[in-house]
């Protein structure tokens, strides 16, 4: 089975391409680890999870959440107290 065929079969069964699913899962791990009430080491956190540069990280983050990482943190801080914050909350624009 070729790589392309496997990708098409995966997409047909799962509904997402392997690459898109990997991005979503990586972002979910990042959001689960994120403490928005502490200084966020974005470059280190992004690199640890496999983003190779800041522009790709920000683009992926915004593509899947609709906001930039900084906007996400600001919305979390503005909407919740530390004990109420929910990982994965995506602010509305």
C-alpha atoms as a PDB file:
ATOM      1  CA  UNK A   1       0.000   0.000   0.000  1.00  0.00           C
ATOM      2  CA  UNK A   2       1.436   3.370  -0.974  1.00  0.00           C
ATOM      3  CA  UNK A   3       1.703   6.317   1.379  1.00  0.00           C
ATOM      4  CA  UNK A   4      -0.858   8.270  -0.655  1.00  0.00           C
ATOM      5  CA  UNK A   5      -3.305   5.371  -0.627  1.00  0.00           C
ATOM      6  CA  UNK A   6      -2.926   4.975   3.126  1.00  0.00           C
ATOM      7  CA  UNK A   7      -3.540   8.718   3.601  1.00  0.00           C
ATOM      8  CA  UNK A   8      -6.707   8.554   1.483  1.00  0.00           C
ATOM      9  CA  UNK A   9      -7.993   5.479   3.335  1.00  0.00           C
ATOM     10  CA  UNK A  10      -7.241   7.065   6.706  1.00  0.00           C
ATOM     11  CA  UNK A  11      -9.011  10.286   5.695  1.00  0.00           C
ATOM     12  CA  UNK A  12     -12.027   8.350   4.457  1.00  0.00           C
ATOM     13  CA  UNK A  13     -12.352   6.375   7.704  1.00  0.00           C
ATOM     14  CA  UNK A  14     -11.407   9.071  10.231  1.00  0.00           C
ATOM     15  CA  UNK A  15     -12.677  12.144   8.403  1.00  0.00           C
ATOM     16  CA  UNK A  16      -9.391  14.008   8.809  1.00  0.00           C
ATOM     17  CA  UNK A  17      -6.021  13.571   7.190  1.00  0.00           C
ATOM     18  CA  UNK A  18      -3.273  12.100   9.381  1.00  0.00           C
ATOM     19  CA  UNK A  19      -1.473  15.460   9.338  1.00  0.00           C
ATOM     20  CA  UNK A  20      -4.543  17.410  10.483  1.00  0.00           C
ATOM     21  CA  UNK A  21      -5.292  14.889  13.219  1.00  0.00           C
ATOM     22  CA  UNK A  22      -1.674  15.084  14.422  1.00  0.00           C
ATOM     23  CA  UNK A  23      -1.902  18.899  14.592  1.00  0.00           C
ATOM     24  CA  UNK A  24      -5.129  18.743  16.582  1.00  0.00           C
ATOM     25  CA  UNK A  25      -3.740  16.193  19.033  1.00  0.00           C
ATOM     26  CA  UNK A  26      -0.518  18.171  19.467  1.00  0.00           C
ATOM     27  CA  UNK A  27      -2.524  21.321  20.149  1.00  0.00           C
ATOM     28  CA  UNK A  28      -4.682  19.489  22.703  1.00  0.00           C
ATOM     29  CA  UNK A  29      -1.525  18.392  24.543  1.00  0.00           C
ATOM     30  CA  UNK A  30      -0.287  21.983  24.520  1.00  0.00           C
ATOM     31  CA  UNK A  31      -3.591  23.312  25.878  1.00  0.00           C
ATOM     32  CA  UNK A  32      -3.645  20.670  28.614  1.00  0.00           C
ATOM     33  CA  UNK A  33      -0.121  21.648  29.719  1.00  0.00           C
ATOM     34  CA  UNK A  34      -0.730  25.370  29.530  1.00  0.00           C
ATOM     35  CA  UNK A  35      -0.921  27.324  32.767  1.00  0.00           C
ATOM     36  CA  UNK A  36      -2.335  30.662  31.663  1.00  0.00           C
ATOM     37  CA  UNK A  37      -1.770  32.175  35.104  1.00  0.00           C
ATOM     38  CA  UNK A  38       1.998  31.765  34.895  1.00  0.00           C
ATOM     39  CA  UNK A  39       4.398  33.235  32.360  1.00  0.00           C
ATOM     40  CA  UNK A  40       4.043  31.124  29.225  1.00  0.00           C
ATOM     41  CA  UNK A  41       7.329  29.995  27.650  1.00  0.00           C
ATOM     42  CA  UNK A  42       5.812  29.804  24.146  1.00  0.00           C
ATOM     43  CA  UNK A  43       9.011  29.055  22.197  1.00  0.00           C
ATOM     44  CA  UNK A  44      10.102  26.270  24.555  1.00  0.00           C
ATOM     45  CA  UNK A  45       6.626  24.759  24.804  1.00  0.00           C
ATOM     46  CA  UNK A  46       6.112  24.850  21.043  1.00  0.00           C
ATOM     47  CA  UNK A  47       9.538  23.322  20.356  1.00  0.00           C
ATOM     48  CA  UNK A  48       8.989  20.600  22.946  1.00  0.00           C
ATOM     49  CA  UNK A  49       5.798  19.571  21.156  1.00  0.00           C
ATOM     50  CA  UNK A  50       7.332  19.518  17.698  1.00  0.00           C
ATOM     51  CA  UNK A  51       6.795  22.921  16.143  1.00  0.00           C
ATOM     52  CA  UNK A  52      10.038  23.972  14.518  1.00  0.00           C
ATOM     53  CA  UNK A  53       9.423  27.695  14.385  1.00  0.00           C
ATOM     54  CA  UNK A  54       7.160  30.270  15.932  1.00  0.00           C
ATOM     55  CA  UNK A  55       5.339  31.181  12.725  1.00  0.00           C
ATOM     56  CA  UNK A  56       4.146  27.602  12.144  1.00  0.00           C
ATOM     57  CA  UNK A  57       3.101  27.292  15.771  1.00  0.00           C
ATOM     58  CA  UNK A  58       1.081  30.517  15.703  1.00  0.00           C
ATOM     59  CA  UNK A  59      -0.498  29.614  12.359  1.00  0.00           C
ATOM     60  CA  UNK A  60      -1.553  26.155  13.596  1.00  0.00           C
ATOM     61  CA  UNK A  61      -2.815  27.559  16.893  1.00  0.00           C
ATOM     62  CA  UNK A  62      -4.915  30.205  15.168  1.00  0.00           C
ATOM     63  CA  UNK A  63      -6.151  27.772  12.511  1.00  0.00           C
ATOM     64  CA  UNK A  64      -7.601  25.467  15.152  1.00  0.00           C
ATOM     65  CA  UNK A  65      -8.700  27.941  17.823  1.00  0.00           C
ATOM     66  CA  UNK A  66      -9.501  31.066  15.829  1.00  0.00           C
ATOM     67  CA  UNK A  67      -7.246  33.215  18.011  1.00  0.00           C
ATOM     68  CA  UNK A  68      -3.527  33.737  18.545  1.00  0.00           C
ATOM     69  CA  UNK A  69      -1.815  32.179  21.569  1.00  0.00           C
ATOM     70  CA  UNK A  70      -1.662  35.579  23.301  1.00  0.00           C
ATOM     71  CA  UNK A  71      -5.357  36.224  22.662  1.00  0.00           C
ATOM     72  CA  UNK A  72      -6.168  32.780  24.047  1.00  0.00           C
ATOM     73  CA  UNK A  73      -4.247  33.432  27.267  1.00  0.00           C
ATOM     74  CA  UNK A  74      -5.793  36.887  27.674  1.00  0.00           C
ATOM     75  CA  UNK A  75      -9.295  35.444  27.230  1.00  0.00           C
ATOM     76  CA  UNK A  76      -8.605  32.682  29.763  1.00  0.00           C
ATOM     77  CA  UNK A  77      -7.274  35.177  32.298  1.00  0.00           C
ATOM     78  CA  UNK A  78     -10.201  37.520  31.711  1.00  0.00           C
ATOM     79  CA  UNK A  79     -12.911  34.872  31.889  1.00  0.00           C
ATOM     80  CA  UNK A  80     -11.890  32.520  34.669  1.00  0.00           C
ATOM     81  CA  UNK A  81     -10.225  32.423  38.043  1.00  0.00           C
ATOM     82  CA  UNK A  82      -7.294  29.993  38.280  1.00  0.00           C
ATOM     83  CA  UNK A  83      -9.467  27.243  39.771  1.00  0.00           C
ATOM     84  CA  UNK A  84     -12.113  27.613  37.037  1.00  0.00           C
ATOM     85  CA  UNK A  85      -9.926  27.683  33.925  1.00  0.00           C
ATOM     86  CA  UNK A  86     -10.741  24.905  31.514  1.00  0.00           C
ATOM     87  CA  UNK A  87      -8.077  23.532  29.177  1.00  0.00           C
ATOM     88  CA  UNK A  88      -9.232  23.816  25.619  1.00  0.00           C
ATOM     89  CA  UNK A  89     -11.576  26.743  26.167  1.00  0.00           C
ATOM     90  CA  UNK A  90     -11.615  28.744  22.975  1.00  0.00           C
ATOM     91  CA  UNK A  91     -12.698  32.366  23.296  1.00  0.00           C
ATOM     92  CA  UNK A  92     -15.278  33.709  20.889  1.00  0.00           C
ATOM     93  CA  UNK A  93     -14.306  36.535  18.610  1.00  0.00           C
END
